[in-house]
PDB file of N, CA and C in Angstrom:
ATOM      1  N   UNK A   1     -22.999  37.281  26.226  1.00  0.00           N
ATOM      2  CA  UNK A   1     -21.693  36.721  26.066  1.00  0.00           C
ATOM      3  C   UNK A   1     -22.235  34.980  25.203  1.00  0.00           C
ATOM      4  N   UNK A   2     -21.250  35.031  24.269  1.00  0.00           N
ATOM      5  CA  UNK A   2     -21.908  33.219  23.725  1.00  0.00           C
ATOM      6  C   UNK A   2     -20.991  33.047  23.717  1.00  0.00           C
ATOM      7  N   UNK A   3     -21.010  31.550  23.799  1.00  0.00           N
ATOM      8  CA  UNK A   3     -19.719  30.853  24.214  1.00  0.00           C
ATOM      9  C   UNK A   3     -19.690  29.915  23.047  1.00  0.00           C
ATOM     10  N   UNK A   4     -18.506  30.363  22.582  1.00  0.00           N
ATOM     11  CA  UNK A   4     -17.794  29.975  21.389  1.00  0.00           C
ATOM     12  C   UNK A   4     -16.918  28.587  21.545  1.00  0.00           C
ATOM     13  N   UNK A   5     -16.959  27.401  21.187  1.00  0.00           N
ATOM     14  CA  UNK A   5     -15.681  26.398  20.793  1.00  0.00           C
ATOM     15  C   UNK A   5     -14.742  26.806  19.797  1.00  0.00           C
ATOM     16  N   UNK A   6     -13.925  26.206  20.160  1.00  0.00           N
ATOM     17  CA  UNK A   6     -12.900  26.242  18.578  1.00  0.00           C
ATOM     18  C   UNK A   6     -13.314  25.405  17.920  1.00  0.00           C
ATOM     19  N   UNK A   7     -13.135  25.645  16.440  1.00  0.00           N
ATOM     20  CA  UNK A   7     -12.615  24.338  15.761  1.00  0.00           C
ATOM     21  C   UNK A   7     -12.396  22.962  16.163  1.00  0.00           C
ATOM     22  N   UNK A   8     -12.454  22.136  16.474  1.00  0.00           N
ATOM     23  CA  UNK A   8     -11.643  21.364  16.466  1.00  0.00           C
ATOM     24  C   UNK A   8     -10.614  20.811  14.901  1.00  0.00           C
ATOM     25  N   UNK A   9      -8.985  20.915  14.967  1.00  0.00           N
ATOM     26  CA  UNK A   9      -8.321  20.497  13.616  1.00  0.00           C
ATOM     27  C   UNK A   9      -8.828  19.701  13.167  1.00  0.00           C
ATOM     28  N   UNK A  10      -8.706  19.565  11.626  1.00  0.00           N
ATOM     29  CA  UNK A  10      -8.997  18.372  10.922  1.00  0.00           C
ATOM     30  C   UNK A  10      -7.756  17.664  10.946  1.00  0.00           C
ATOM     31  N   UNK A  11      -8.142  16.163  11.091  1.00  0.00           N
ATOM     32  CA  UNK A  11      -6.905  15.359  11.484  1.00  0.00           C
ATOM     33  C   UNK A  11      -6.148  15.005   9.869  1.00  0.00           C
ATOM     34  N   UNK A  12      -6.353  15.345   9.034  1.00  0.00           N
ATOM     35  CA  UNK A  12      -5.651  15.481   8.385  1.00  0.00           C
ATOM     36  C   UNK A  12      -4.265  16.326   7.935  1.00  0.00           C
ATOM     37  N   UNK A  13      -4.723  17.799   8.219  1.00  0.00           N
ATOM     38  CA  UNK A  13      -3.925  18.569   8.882  1.00  0.00           C
ATOM     39  C   UNK A  13      -3.441  18.327  10.417  1.00  0.00           C
ATOM     40  N   UNK A  14      -3.539  18.050  10.991  1.00  0.00           N
ATOM     41  CA  UNK A  14      -2.743  17.714  12.474  1.00  0.00           C
ATOM     42  C   UNK A  14      -1.686  16.828  12.494  1.00  0.00           C
ATOM     43  N   UNK A  15      -2.067  15.755  11.330  1.00  0.00           N
ATOM     44  CA  UNK A  15      -0.769  14.367  11.192  1.00  0.00           C
ATOM     45  C   UNK A  15      -1.026  14.235   9.765  1.00  0.00           C
ATOM     46  N   UNK A  16       0.460  15.079   8.992  1.00  0.00           N
ATOM     47  CA  UNK A  16      -0.394  15.170   6.955  1.00  0.00           C
ATOM     48  C   UNK A  16       0.421  13.553   6.859  1.00  0.00           C
ATOM     49  N   UNK A  17       1.293  13.372   7.975  1.00  0.00           N
ATOM     50  CA  UNK A  17       2.541  12.028   7.604  1.00  0.00           C
ATOM     51  C   UNK A  17       1.642  11.019   7.729  1.00  0.00           C
ATOM     52  N   UNK A  18       1.044  10.767   8.092  1.00  0.00           N
ATOM     53  CA  UNK A  18      -0.052   9.389   8.683  1.00  0.00           C
ATOM     54  C   UNK A  18      -0.217   9.069   7.553  1.00  0.00           C
ATOM     55  N   UNK A  19      -1.024   9.830   6.577  1.00  0.00           N
ATOM     56  CA  UNK A  19      -1.656   9.185   4.846  1.00  0.00           C
ATOM     57  C   UNK A  19      -0.141   8.393   4.557  1.00  0.00           C
ATOM     58  N   UNK A  20       0.613   8.912   4.602  1.00  0.00           N
ATOM     59  CA  UNK A  20       1.995   8.371   3.747  1.00  0.00           C
ATOM     60  C   UNK A  20       2.430   7.406   4.495  1.00  0.00           C
ATOM     61  N   UNK A  21       3.008   7.169   5.996  1.00  0.00           N
ATOM     62  CA  UNK A  21       2.818   6.501   6.875  1.00  0.00           C
ATOM     63  C   UNK A  21       1.952   5.117   6.609  1.00  0.00           C
ATOM     64  N   UNK A  22       1.271   5.470   6.398  1.00  0.00           N
ATOM     65  CA  UNK A  22      -0.042   3.563   5.674  1.00  0.00           C
ATOM     66  C   UNK A  22       0.179   3.526   4.582  1.00  0.00           C
ATOM     67  N   UNK A  23       0.610   3.999   3.957  1.00  0.00           N
ATOM     68  CA  UNK A  23       0.358   3.589   2.618  1.00  0.00           C
ATOM     69  C   UNK A  23       1.870   3.004   2.513  1.00  0.00           C
ATOM     70  N   UNK A  24       3.009   3.100   2.985  1.00  0.00           N
ATOM     71  CA  UNK A  24       4.005   2.756   3.307  1.00  0.00           C
ATOM     72  C   UNK A  24       3.862   1.182   3.941  1.00  0.00           C
ATOM     73  N   UNK A  25       2.962   1.052   5.047  1.00  0.00           N
ATOM     74  CA  UNK A  25       2.977   0.248   5.652  1.00  0.00           C
ATOM     75  C   UNK A  25       2.146  -0.945   4.873  1.00  0.00           C
ATOM     76  N   UNK A  26       1.132  -0.560   4.007  1.00  0.00           N
ATOM     77  CA  UNK A  26       0.285  -1.320   3.014  1.00  0.00           C
ATOM     78  C   UNK A  26       1.602  -1.949   2.076  1.00  0.00           C
ATOM     79  N   UNK A  27       2.525  -1.025   1.723  1.00  0.00           N
ATOM     80  CA  UNK A  27       3.112  -1.243   0.220  1.00  0.00           C
ATOM     81  C   UNK A  27       3.850  -2.444   0.952  1.00  0.00           C
ATOM     82  N   UNK A  28       4.661  -2.645   2.050  1.00  0.00           N
ATOM     83  CA  UNK A  28       5.569  -3.390   2.791  1.00  0.00           C
ATOM     84  C   UNK A  28       4.872  -4.808   3.452  1.00  0.00           C
ATOM     85  N   UNK A  29       3.419  -5.096   3.687  1.00  0.00           N
ATOM     86  CA  UNK A  29       2.915  -6.152   3.942  1.00  0.00           C
ATOM     87  C   UNK A  29       2.075  -6.515   2.828  1.00  0.00           C
ATOM     88  N   UNK A  30       2.100  -5.825   1.670  1.00  0.00           N
ATOM     89  CA  UNK A  30       1.774  -6.456   0.611  1.00  0.00           C
ATOM     90  C   UNK A  30       2.818  -7.082  -0.564  1.00  0.00           C
ATOM     91  N   UNK A  31       4.082  -6.653  -0.018  1.00  0.00           N
ATOM     92  CA  UNK A  31       5.146  -7.406  -1.414  1.00  0.00           C
ATOM     93  C   UNK A  31       5.486  -8.035   0.238  1.00  0.00           C
ATOM     94  N   UNK A  32       5.356  -8.322   1.286  1.00  0.00           N
ATOM     95  CA  UNK A  32       5.703  -9.745   2.205  1.00  0.00           C
ATOM     96  C   UNK A  32       4.687 -10.635   1.516  1.00  0.00           C
ATOM     97  N   UNK A  33       3.527 -10.728   1.709  1.00  0.00           N
ATOM     98  CA  UNK A  33       2.304 -11.546   1.197  1.00  0.00           C
ATOM     99  C   UNK A  33       2.674 -11.746  -0.096  1.00  0.00           C
ATOM    100  N   UNK A  34       2.866 -10.753  -0.722  1.00  0.00           N
ATOM    101  CA  UNK A  34       3.976 -11.833  -2.370  1.00  0.00           C
ATOM    102  C   UNK A  34       4.547 -12.630  -2.369  1.00  0.00           C
ATOM    103  N   UNK A  35       5.491 -12.430  -1.957  1.00  0.00           N
ATOM    104  CA  UNK A  35       6.803 -13.120  -1.736  1.00  0.00           C
ATOM    105  C   UNK A  35       6.499 -14.484  -0.987  1.00  0.00           C
ATOM    106  N   UNK A  36       5.340 -14.561   0.284  1.00  0.00           N
ATOM    107  CA  UNK A  36       5.577 -15.648   0.904  1.00  0.00           C
ATOM    108  C   UNK A  36       4.617 -16.542  -0.110  1.00  0.00           C
ATOM    109  N   UNK A  37       3.202 -15.875  -0.750  1.00  0.00           N
ATOM    110  CA  UNK A  37       2.720 -16.503  -1.207  1.00  0.00           C
ATOM    111  C   UNK A  37       3.725 -17.411  -2.374  1.00  0.00           C
ATOM    112  N   UNK A  38       4.433 -16.234  -3.555  1.00  0.00           N
ATOM    113  CA  UNK A  38       5.535 -16.779  -4.297  1.00  0.00           C
ATOM    114  C   UNK A  38       6.269 -18.118  -3.852  1.00  0.00           C
ATOM    115  N   UNK A  39       6.979 -18.166  -2.992  1.00  0.00           N
ATOM    116  CA  UNK A  39       7.815 -18.664  -2.243  1.00  0.00           C
ATOM    117  C   UNK A  39       7.013 -20.206  -2.091  1.00  0.00           C
ATOM    118  N   UNK A  40       5.355 -20.219  -1.668  1.00  0.00           N
ATOM    119  CA  UNK A  40       4.760 -21.440  -1.307  1.00  0.00           C
ATOM    120  C   UNK A  40       4.598 -21.961  -2.548  1.00  0.00           C
ATOM    121  N   UNK A  41       4.018 -21.365  -3.771  1.00  0.00           N
ATOM    122  CA  UNK A  41       3.535 -21.061  -5.281  1.00  0.00           C
ATOM    123  C   UNK A  41       4.738 -22.164  -5.601  1.00  0.00           C
ATOM    124  N   UNK A  42       5.953 -21.296  -5.634  1.00  0.00           N
ATOM    125  CA  UNK A  42       6.927 -22.698  -6.807  1.00  0.00           C
ATOM    126  C   UNK A  42       7.463 -23.596  -5.833  1.00  0.00           C
ATOM    127  N   UNK A  43       7.153 -23.738  -4.854  1.00  0.00           N
ATOM    128  CA  UNK A  43       6.945 -25.270  -3.991  1.00  0.00           C
ATOM    129  C   UNK A  43       5.991 -26.258  -4.323  1.00  0.00           C
ATOM    130  N   UNK A  44       4.609 -25.815  -4.103  1.00  0.00           N
ATOM    131  CA  UNK A  44       4.601 -26.532  -4.610  1.00  0.00           C
ATOM    132  C   UNK A  44       3.928 -26.873  -6.578  1.00  0.00           C
ATOM    133  N   UNK A  45       4.299 -25.970  -7.027  1.00  0.00           N
ATOM    134  CA  UNK A  45       4.397 -26.248  -8.506  1.00  0.00           C
ATOM    135  C   UNK A  45       5.689 -27.116  -8.808  1.00  0.00           C
ATOM    136  N   UNK A  46       6.807 -27.340  -7.874  1.00  0.00           N
ATOM    137  CA  UNK A  46       7.799 -27.382  -7.689  1.00  0.00           C
ATOM    138  C   UNK A  46       9.102 -27.255  -9.034  1.00  0.00           C
ATOM    139  N   UNK A  47       9.052 -26.059  -9.151  1.00  0.00           N
ATOM    140  CA  UNK A  47      10.034 -25.010 -10.429  1.00  0.00           C
ATOM    141  C   UNK A  47      11.064 -25.010  -9.620  1.00  0.00           C
ATOM    142  N   UNK A  48      12.236 -24.948 -10.477  1.00  0.00           N
ATOM    143  CA  UNK A  48      13.935 -25.028  -9.979  1.00  0.00           C
ATOM    144  C   UNK A  48      14.117 -23.281  -9.860  1.00  0.00           C
ATOM    145  N   UNK A  49      13.401 -22.434 -10.458  1.00  0.00           N
ATOM    146  CA  UNK A  49      13.682 -21.804 -10.800  1.00  0.00           C
ATOM    147  C   UNK A  49      12.658 -20.432  -9.924  1.00  0.00           C
ATOM    148  N   UNK A  50      12.866 -19.529  -8.672  1.00  0.00           N
ATOM    149  CA  UNK A  50      11.767 -19.026  -8.220  1.00  0.00           C
ATOM    150  C   UNK A  50      11.043 -17.433  -9.508  1.00  0.00           C
ATOM    151  N   UNK A  51      10.351 -18.534  -9.639  1.00  0.00           N
ATOM    152  CA  UNK A  51       9.338 -17.747 -10.855  1.00  0.00           C
ATOM    153  C   UNK A  51       8.489 -16.802 -10.201  1.00  0.00           C
ATOM    154  N   UNK A  52       7.492 -17.070  -9.053  1.00  0.00           N
ATOM    155  CA  UNK A  52       6.752 -16.512  -8.703  1.00  0.00           C
ATOM    156  C   UNK A  52       7.379 -15.738  -7.299  1.00  0.00           C
ATOM    157  N   UNK A  53       8.472 -15.782  -7.058  1.00  0.00           N
ATOM    158  CA  UNK A  53       9.116 -15.265  -6.030  1.00  0.00           C
ATOM    159  C   UNK A  53       9.192 -13.631  -6.834  1.00  0.00           C
ATOM    160  N   UNK A  54       9.331 -13.582  -7.923  1.00  0.00           N
ATOM    161  CA  UNK A  54       9.777 -12.807  -8.297  1.00  0.00           C
ATOM    162  C   UNK A  54       8.442 -11.915  -9.378  1.00  0.00           C
ATOM    163  N   UNK A  55       7.359 -12.532  -9.656  1.00  0.00           N
ATOM    164  CA  UNK A  55       7.213 -12.373 -10.349  1.00  0.00           C
ATOM    165  C   UNK A  55       5.220 -11.954  -9.475  1.00  0.00           C
ATOM    166  N   UNK A  56       5.287 -12.544  -8.591  1.00  0.00           N
ATOM    167  CA  UNK A  56       4.022 -12.090  -7.879  1.00  0.00           C
ATOM    168  C   UNK A  56       4.676 -10.872  -6.844  1.00  0.00           C
ATOM    169  N   UNK A  57       5.217 -10.201  -6.269  1.00  0.00           N
ATOM    170  CA  UNK A  57       5.479  -8.769  -5.943  1.00  0.00           C
ATOM    171  C   UNK A  57       5.381  -8.042  -6.846  1.00  0.00           C
ATOM    172  N   UNK A  58       6.034  -7.982  -8.332  1.00  0.00           N
ATOM    173  CA  UNK A  58       6.430  -7.475  -9.388  1.00  0.00           C
ATOM    174  C   UNK A  58       4.898  -6.531  -9.661  1.00  0.00           C
ATOM    175  N   UNK A  59       4.286  -7.926  -9.907  1.00  0.00           N
ATOM    176  CA  UNK A  59       2.702  -7.126 -10.184  1.00  0.00           C
ATOM    177  C   UNK A  59       2.130  -6.186  -8.918  1.00  0.00           C
ATOM    178  N   UNK A  60       1.967  -6.901  -7.440  1.00  0.00           N
ATOM    179  CA  UNK A  60       1.912  -6.227  -7.066  1.00  0.00           C
ATOM    180  C   UNK A  60       2.503  -4.925  -6.694  1.00  0.00           C
ATOM    181  N   UNK A  61       3.395  -4.574  -7.163  1.00  0.00           N
ATOM    182  CA  UNK A  61       4.023  -3.111  -6.939  1.00  0.00           C
ATOM    183  C   UNK A  61       3.201  -3.059  -8.245  1.00  0.00           C
ATOM    184  N   UNK A  62       3.107  -2.955  -9.138  1.00  0.00           N
ATOM    185  CA  UNK A  62       2.361  -2.423 -10.299  1.00  0.00           C
ATOM    186  C   UNK A  62       0.940  -2.291  -9.898  1.00  0.00           C
ATOM    187  N   UNK A  63       0.472  -3.047  -9.322  1.00  0.00           N
ATOM    188  CA  UNK A  63      -1.246  -2.709  -9.183  1.00  0.00           C
ATOM    189  C   UNK A  63      -1.089  -1.437  -8.054  1.00  0.00           C
ATOM    190  N   UNK A  64      -0.338  -1.326  -7.172  1.00  0.00           N
ATOM    191  CA  UNK A  64      -0.590  -0.013  -6.030  1.00  0.00           C
ATOM    192  C   UNK A  64       0.323   1.153  -6.931  1.00  0.00           C
ATOM    193  N   UNK A  65       1.084   1.043  -7.196  1.00  0.00           N
ATOM    194  CA  UNK A  65       1.598   1.981  -7.886  1.00  0.00           C
ATOM    195  C   UNK A  65       0.387   2.862  -8.746  1.00  0.00           C
ATOM    196  N   UNK A  66       0.025   1.778  -9.841  1.00  0.00           N
ATOM    197  CA  UNK A  66      -1.889   1.990 -10.896  1.00  0.00           C
ATOM    198  C   UNK A  66      -2.624   2.849  -9.810  1.00  0.00           C
ATOM    199  N   UNK A  67      -2.678   2.156  -8.757  1.00  0.00           N
ATOM    200  CA  UNK A  67      -3.858   2.629  -8.025  1.00  0.00           C
ATOM    201  C   UNK A  67      -3.531   3.934  -7.158  1.00  0.00           C
ATOM    202  N   UNK A  68      -1.903   4.243  -7.025  1.00  0.00           N
ATOM    203  CA  UNK A  68      -1.586   5.489  -6.353  1.00  0.00           C
ATOM    204  C   UNK A  68      -1.786   7.012  -7.757  1.00  0.00           C
ATOM    205  N   UNK A  69      -1.505   6.708  -8.296  1.00  0.00           N
ATOM    206  CA  UNK A  69      -1.655   7.484  -9.742  1.00  0.00           C
ATOM    207  C   UNK A  69      -3.384   7.756  -9.701  1.00  0.00           C
ATOM    208  N   UNK A  70      -4.074   6.699  -9.981  1.00  0.00           N
ATOM    209  CA  UNK A  70      -5.038   6.618 -10.512  1.00  0.00           C
ATOM    210  C   UNK A  70      -5.816   7.688  -9.022  1.00  0.00           C
ATOM    211  N   UNK A  71      -5.405   7.288  -7.597  1.00  0.00           N
ATOM    212  CA  UNK A  71      -5.938   8.031  -7.082  1.00  0.00           C
ATOM    213  C   UNK A  71      -5.728   9.617  -6.630  1.00  0.00           C
ATOM    214  N   UNK A  72      -4.675  10.077  -7.184  1.00  0.00           N
ATOM    215  CA  UNK A  72      -3.966  10.851  -6.915  1.00  0.00           C
ATOM    216  C   UNK A  72      -4.425  12.072  -7.862  1.00  0.00           C
ATOM    217  N   UNK A  73      -4.851  11.824  -9.409  1.00  0.00           N
ATOM    218  CA  UNK A  73      -4.733  12.397 -10.229  1.00  0.00           C
ATOM    219  C   UNK A  73      -6.180  12.752 -10.448  1.00  0.00           C
ATOM    220  N   UNK A  74      -6.724  12.081  -9.784  1.00  0.00           N
ATOM    221  CA  UNK A  74      -8.205  13.532  -9.958  1.00  0.00           C
ATOM    222  C   UNK A  74      -8.276  14.641  -9.731  1.00  0.00           C
ATOM    223  N   UNK A  75      -9.403  14.962 -11.016  1.00  0.00           N
ATOM    224  CA  UNK A  75      -9.603  16.114 -10.965  1.00  0.00           C
ATOM    225  C   UNK A  75     -10.490  16.768  -9.677  1.00  0.00           C
ATOM    226  N   UNK A  76     -10.616  17.259  -9.215  1.00  0.00           N
ATOM    227  CA  UNK A  76     -11.317  18.567  -8.199  1.00  0.00           C
ATOM    228  C   UNK A  76     -12.196  19.141  -8.809  1.00  0.00           C
TER     229      UNK A  76
END
């Protein structure tokens, strides 16, 4: 009689939504940090129009999207 244990399920197959939840959390936190840093930089530089509040989150979003496309387009 052989003692066979079932293989544990792969974590990625068990919770596939966790990858997307993690990505969304990173996206929101990064944008929040970009807005905060933009506000502080605009106050420090004494800009009348909030240039960096708009610019930093846009740069962060572009870099995240670029990284996402780069990571998902790898040939296997």
